[in-house]
Amino acid sequence: MDKHTAPVWDAVVEPLAAEGIIVEDITAQVAGRFRTLTVVIDLDGSTTAPVSLDHITAATRIVSEAIDELPLFNEHAYDLQVTSPGATRPLREVRHFQRAVGRTLAVRTTADEEFEGVLLAVSDGDAPETAAEFRLADGSERRQDLAQIAHAEAVLQFR
């Protein structure tokens, strides 16, 4: 975390959380005279709904109000971007998997085994016992401990 993002984290995490919005990442970029502050948001694990334009709009208003008085970028003008992590972002946290229930995931295990399946459920156990239930293409079901997943991401399906 750098001098530009640390005060932003402190200012925005609580007001966004009150709206059910989680801060995934905050980055500050400077390129010549151009400065950009990017806040990546997601919804908490209680919903599988995607981050909507309404969520982005509400989060942008909250972030803008929260950081308005902060001395960012040495008082130079900057662009504020509030965005979601995207449909194919790597799933790393239990919350990410909870939000992906019902979606098809491509998974690679720590044993370098790969499979695709529809995520049916994520157990509520403590981190070492947390597991995901998948329905594979052949109709069988598979239970996979999250701790043994090296990489997982949603598979985009076009209708």
C-alpha atoms as a PDB file:
ATOM      1  CA  MET A   1       0.000   0.000   0.000  1.00  0.00           C
ATOM      2  CA  ASP A   2       1.449   3.352  -0.910  1.00  0.00           C
ATOM      3  CA  LYS A   3       0.978   6.853   0.399  1.00  0.00           C
ATOM      4  CA  HIS A   4      -1.897   7.479  -2.007  1.00  0.00           C
ATOM      5  CA  THR A   5      -3.905   4.322  -1.351  1.00  0.00           C
ATOM      6  CA  ALA A   6      -3.497   3.871   2.423  1.00  0.00           C
ATOM      7  CA  PRO A   7      -5.672   6.870   3.376  1.00  0.00           C
ATOM      8  CA  VAL A   8      -8.241   5.857   0.749  1.00  0.00           C
ATOM      9  CA  TRP A   9      -8.550   2.347   2.262  1.00  0.00           C
ATOM     10  CA  ASP A  10      -9.072   3.893   5.686  1.00  0.00           C
ATOM     11  CA  ALA A  11     -11.699   6.311   4.386  1.00  0.00           C
ATOM     12  CA  VAL A  12     -13.804   4.010   2.183  1.00  0.00           C
ATOM     13  CA  VAL A  13     -13.881   0.500   3.673  1.00  0.00           C
ATOM     14  CA  GLU A  14     -16.483   1.142   6.384  1.00  0.00           C
ATOM     15  CA  PRO A  15     -18.944   3.292   4.396  1.00  0.00           C
ATOM     16  CA  LEU A  16     -18.871   0.797   1.518  1.00  0.00           C
ATOM     17  CA  ALA A  17     -19.274  -2.193   3.858  1.00  0.00           C
ATOM     18  CA  ALA A  18     -22.396  -0.548   5.286  1.00  0.00           C
ATOM     19  CA  GLU A  19     -23.871  -0.890   1.766  1.00  0.00           C
ATOM     20  CA  GLY A  20     -22.787  -4.543   1.378  1.00  0.00           C
ATOM     21  CA  ILE A  21     -19.857  -3.581  -0.842  1.00  0.00           C
ATOM     22  CA  ILE A  22     -16.366  -4.974  -0.292  1.00  0.00           C
ATOM     23  CA  VAL A  23     -13.155  -3.254  -1.409  1.00  0.00           C
ATOM     24  CA  GLU A  24     -11.088  -5.756  -3.398  1.00  0.00           C
ATOM     25  CA  ASP A  25      -8.215  -3.472  -4.363  1.00  0.00           C
ATOM     26  CA  ILE A  26      -7.150   0.147  -4.627  1.00  0.00           C
ATOM     27  CA  THR A  27      -4.418   1.318  -6.967  1.00  0.00           C
ATOM     28  CA  ALA A  28      -2.908   4.701  -7.705  1.00  0.00           C
ATOM     29  CA  GLN A  29      -1.178   5.331 -11.019  1.00  0.00           C
ATOM     30  CA  VAL A  30       0.812   8.308 -12.142  1.00  0.00           C
ATOM     31  CA  ALA A  31       1.834   8.679 -15.784  1.00  0.00           C
ATOM     32  CA  GLY A  32       3.318  12.077 -16.496  1.00  0.00           C
ATOM     33  CA  ARG A  33       0.670  14.620 -15.616  1.00  0.00           C
ATOM     34  CA  PHE A  34      -2.131  12.036 -15.555  1.00  0.00           C
ATOM     35  CA  ARG A  35      -3.189  10.451 -12.269  1.00  0.00           C
ATOM     36  CA  THR A  36      -5.755   7.722 -11.724  1.00  0.00           C
ATOM     37  CA  LEU A  37      -7.158   6.266  -8.541  1.00  0.00           C
ATOM     38  CA  THR A  38      -8.894   2.932  -9.170  1.00  0.00           C
ATOM     39  CA  VAL A  39     -11.112   1.279  -6.559  1.00  0.00           C
ATOM     40  CA  VAL A  40     -12.133  -2.308  -7.321  1.00  0.00           C
ATOM     41  CA  ILE A  41     -15.302  -3.377  -5.509  1.00  0.00           C
ATOM     42  CA  ASP A  42     -17.305  -6.549  -5.094  1.00  0.00           C
ATOM     43  CA  LEU A  43     -20.407  -7.544  -3.191  1.00  0.00           C
ATOM     44  CA  ASP A  44     -20.237  -9.514   0.028  1.00  0.00           C
ATOM     45  CA  GLY A  45     -20.661 -13.305  -0.014  1.00  0.00           C
ATOM     46  CA  SER A  46     -24.358 -13.165   0.850  1.00  0.00           C
ATOM     47  CA  THR A  47     -25.369 -12.701  -2.781  1.00  0.00           C
ATOM     48  CA  THR A  48     -24.554 -14.277  -6.126  1.00  0.00           C
ATOM     49  CA  ALA A  49     -25.865 -11.249  -8.016  1.00  0.00           C
ATOM     50  CA  PRO A  50     -23.308  -9.489 -10.199  1.00  0.00           C
ATOM     51  CA  VAL A  51     -21.993  -6.039  -9.415  1.00  0.00           C
ATOM     52  CA  SER A  52     -24.476  -3.839 -11.256  1.00  0.00           C
ATOM     53  CA  LEU A  53     -24.242  -0.334 -12.642  1.00  0.00           C
ATOM     54  CA  ASP A  54     -26.334   0.775  -9.645  1.00  0.00           C
ATOM     55  CA  HIS A  55     -23.687  -0.691  -7.304  1.00  0.00           C
ATOM     56  CA  ILE A  56     -20.911   1.079  -9.218  1.00  0.00           C
ATOM     57  CA  THR A  57     -22.839   4.359  -9.100  1.00  0.00           C
ATOM     58  CA  ALA A  58     -23.501   4.087  -5.357  1.00  0.00           C
ATOM     59  CA  ALA A  59     -19.897   3.079  -4.644  1.00  0.00           C
ATOM     60  CA  THR A  60     -18.554   5.947  -6.754  1.00  0.00           C
ATOM     61  CA  ARG A  61     -20.657   8.430  -4.799  1.00  0.00           C
ATOM     62  CA  ILE A  62     -19.540   6.945  -1.448  1.00  0.00           C
ATOM     63  CA  VAL A  63     -15.854   6.849  -2.429  1.00  0.00           C
ATOM     64  CA  SER A  64     -15.955  10.358  -3.881  1.00  0.00           C
ATOM     65  CA  GLU A  65     -17.526  11.786  -0.726  1.00  0.00           C
ATOM     66  CA  ALA A  66     -15.167   9.856   1.563  1.00  0.00           C
ATOM     67  CA  ILE A  67     -11.967  10.941  -0.183  1.00  0.00           C
ATOM     68  CA  ASP A  68     -12.987  14.458  -1.183  1.00  0.00           C
ATOM     69  CA  GLU A  69     -10.927  16.107   1.542  1.00  0.00           C
ATOM     70  CA  LEU A  70      -7.912  13.770   1.347  1.00  0.00           C
ATOM     71  CA  PRO A  71      -4.673  15.312   0.022  1.00  0.00           C
ATOM     72  CA  LEU A  72      -4.161  12.779  -2.770  1.00  0.00           C
ATOM     73  CA  PHE A  73      -1.516  13.056  -5.492  1.00  0.00           C
ATOM     74  CA  ASN A  74      -0.078  16.180  -3.833  1.00  0.00           C
ATOM     75  CA  GLU A  75      -3.290  18.065  -4.618  1.00  0.00           C
ATOM     76  CA  HIS A  76      -3.015  17.402  -8.378  1.00  0.00           C
ATOM     77  CA  ALA A  77      -6.159  16.546 -10.325  1.00  0.00           C
ATOM     78  CA  TYR A  78      -6.872  12.841 -10.816  1.00  0.00           C
ATOM     79  CA  ASP A  79      -9.466  10.545 -12.320  1.00  0.00           C
ATOM     80  CA  LEU A  80     -11.453   8.290  -9.999  1.00  0.00           C
ATOM     81  CA  GLN A  81     -12.426   4.911 -11.418  1.00  0.00           C
ATOM     82  CA  VAL A  82     -14.686   2.525  -9.523  1.00  0.00           C
ATOM     83  CA  THR A  83     -14.994  -0.894 -11.115  1.00  0.00           C
ATOM     84  CA  SER A  84     -15.729  -4.554 -10.454  1.00  0.00           C
ATOM     85  CA  PRO A  85     -13.097  -7.299 -10.604  1.00  0.00           C
ATOM     86  CA  GLY A  86     -14.568  -8.736 -13.804  1.00  0.00           C
ATOM     87  CA  ALA A  87     -16.306 -11.959 -14.715  1.00  0.00           C
ATOM     88  CA  THR A  88     -13.188 -14.102 -15.060  1.00  0.00           C
ATOM     89  CA  ARG A  89     -11.142 -12.903 -12.127  1.00  0.00           C
ATOM     90  CA  PRO A  90      -9.353 -15.668 -10.210  1.00  0.00           C
ATOM     91  CA  LEU A  91     -11.399 -16.948  -7.275  1.00  0.00           C
ATOM     92  CA  ARG A  92      -9.207 -16.854  -4.168  1.00  0.00           C
ATOM     93  CA  GLU A  93     -11.352 -16.280  -1.109  1.00  0.00           C
ATOM     94  CA  VAL A  94     -14.309 -18.223   0.281  1.00  0.00           C
ATOM     95  CA  ARG A  95     -16.451 -15.164  -0.477  1.00  0.00           C
ATOM     96  CA  HIS A  96     -15.432 -15.338  -4.151  1.00  0.00           C
ATOM     97  CA  PHE A  97     -16.588 -18.947  -4.355  1.00  0.00           C
ATOM     98  CA  GLN A  98     -19.835 -18.178  -2.517  1.00  0.00           C
ATOM     99  CA  ARG A  99     -20.611 -15.494  -5.070  1.00  0.00           C
ATOM    100  CA  ALA A 100     -19.940 -17.925  -7.943  1.00  0.00           C
ATOM    101  CA  VAL A 101     -22.522 -20.538  -6.890  1.00  0.00           C
ATOM    102  CA  GLY A 102     -24.490 -21.608  -9.978  1.00  0.00           C
ATOM    103  CA  ARG A 103     -21.695 -20.734 -12.410  1.00  0.00           C
ATOM    104  CA  THR A 104     -19.419 -23.071 -14.321  1.00  0.00           C
ATOM    105  CA  LEU A 105     -15.844 -22.901 -13.035  1.00  0.00           C
ATOM    106  CA  ALA A 106     -12.554 -24.054 -14.500  1.00  0.00           C
ATOM    107  CA  VAL A 107     -10.481 -25.450 -11.640  1.00  0.00           C
ATOM    108  CA  ARG A 108      -6.861 -26.544 -11.286  1.00  0.00           C
ATOM    109  CA  THR A 109      -5.971 -28.332  -8.055  1.00  0.00           C
ATOM    110  CA  THR A 110      -2.698 -28.210  -6.167  1.00  0.00           C
ATOM    111  CA  ALA A 111      -2.131 -31.761  -7.514  1.00  0.00           C
ATOM    112  CA  ASP A 112      -2.261 -30.206 -11.037  1.00  0.00           C
ATOM    113  CA  GLU A 113      -5.564 -31.888 -11.872  1.00  0.00           C
ATOM    114  CA  GLU A 114      -7.970 -29.828 -13.994  1.00  0.00           C
ATOM    115  CA  PHE A 115     -11.744 -30.016 -14.227  1.00  0.00           C
ATOM    116  CA  GLU A 116     -14.798 -27.915 -15.073  1.00  0.00           C
ATOM    117  CA  GLY A 117     -18.051 -28.033 -13.229  1.00  0.00           C
ATOM    118  CA  VAL A 118     -21.051 -26.070 -12.050  1.00  0.00           C
ATOM    119  CA  LEU A 119     -20.443 -24.830  -8.511  1.00  0.00           C
ATOM    120  CA  LEU A 120     -23.401 -26.107  -6.486  1.00  0.00           C
ATOM    121  CA  ALA A 121     -22.488 -25.005  -2.955  1.00  0.00           C
ATOM    122  CA  VAL A 122     -19.684 -23.873  -0.676  1.00  0.00           C
ATOM    123  CA  SER A 123     -19.554 -25.258   2.855  1.00  0.00           C
ATOM    124  CA  ASP A 124     -19.526 -22.843   5.763  1.00  0.00           C
ATOM    125  CA  GLY A 125     -16.663 -24.584   7.590  1.00  0.00           C
ATOM    126  CA  ASP A 126     -13.545 -22.915   8.880  1.00  0.00           C
ATOM    127  CA  ALA A 127     -10.877 -22.248   6.263  1.00  0.00           C
ATOM    128  CA  PRO A 128      -9.122 -25.663   6.334  1.00  0.00           C
ATOM    129  CA  GLU A 129     -12.422 -27.564   6.061  1.00  0.00           C
ATOM    130  CA  THR A 130     -14.149 -25.272   3.594  1.00  0.00           C
ATOM    131  CA  ALA A 131     -15.086 -27.188   0.459  1.00  0.00           C
ATOM    132  CA  ALA A 132     -16.955 -26.663  -2.776  1.00  0.00           C
ATOM    133  CA  GLU A 133     -19.460 -29.030  -4.363  1.00  0.00           C
ATOM    134  CA  PHE A 134     -19.412 -29.293  -8.169  1.00  0.00           C
ATOM    135  CA  ARG A 135     -21.578 -31.002 -10.784  1.00  0.00           C
ATOM    136  CA  LEU A 136     -19.343 -32.203 -13.597  1.00  0.00           C
ATOM    137  CA  ALA A 137     -20.327 -32.479 -17.270  1.00  0.00           C
ATOM    138  CA  ASP A 138     -20.971 -36.234 -16.935  1.00  0.00           C
ATOM    139  CA  GLY A 139     -23.550 -35.545 -14.213  1.00  0.00           C
ATOM    140  CA  SER A 140     -21.397 -36.762 -11.333  1.00  0.00           C
ATOM    141  CA  GLU A 141     -20.696 -34.607  -8.320  1.00  0.00           C
ATOM    142  CA  ARG A 142     -17.328 -33.738  -6.859  1.00  0.00           C
ATOM    143  CA  ARG A 143     -16.336 -32.252  -3.508  1.00  0.00           C
ATOM    144  CA  GLN A 144     -13.130 -30.208  -3.538  1.00  0.00           C
ATOM    145  CA  ASP A 145     -11.426 -28.648  -0.513  1.00  0.00           C
ATOM    146  CA  LEU A 146     -10.802 -24.970  -1.260  1.00  0.00           C
ATOM    147  CA  ALA A 147      -7.335 -25.246   0.275  1.00  0.00           C
ATOM    148  CA  GLN A 148      -6.464 -27.713  -2.502  1.00  0.00           C
ATOM    149  CA  ILE A 149      -7.526 -25.394  -5.337  1.00  0.00           C
ATOM    150  CA  ALA A 150      -4.535 -23.712  -6.959  1.00  0.00           C
ATOM    151  CA  HIS A 151      -6.584 -21.709  -9.469  1.00  0.00           C
ATOM    152  CA  ALA A 152     -10.267 -21.275 -10.241  1.00  0.00           C
ATOM    153  CA  GLU A 153     -12.162 -18.898 -12.485  1.00  0.00           C
ATOM    154  CA  ALA A 154     -15.604 -18.635 -14.019  1.00  0.00           C
ATOM    155  CA  VAL A 155     -16.087 -19.934 -17.536  1.00  0.00           C
ATOM    156  CA  LEU A 156     -17.848 -17.424 -19.746  1.00  0.00           C
ATOM    157  CA  GLN A 157     -20.853 -18.894 -21.498  1.00  0.00           C
ATOM    158  CA  PHE A 158     -22.506 -17.046 -24.345  1.00  0.00           C
ATOM    159  CA  ARG A 159     -26.142 -17.772 -25.049  1.00  0.00           C
END
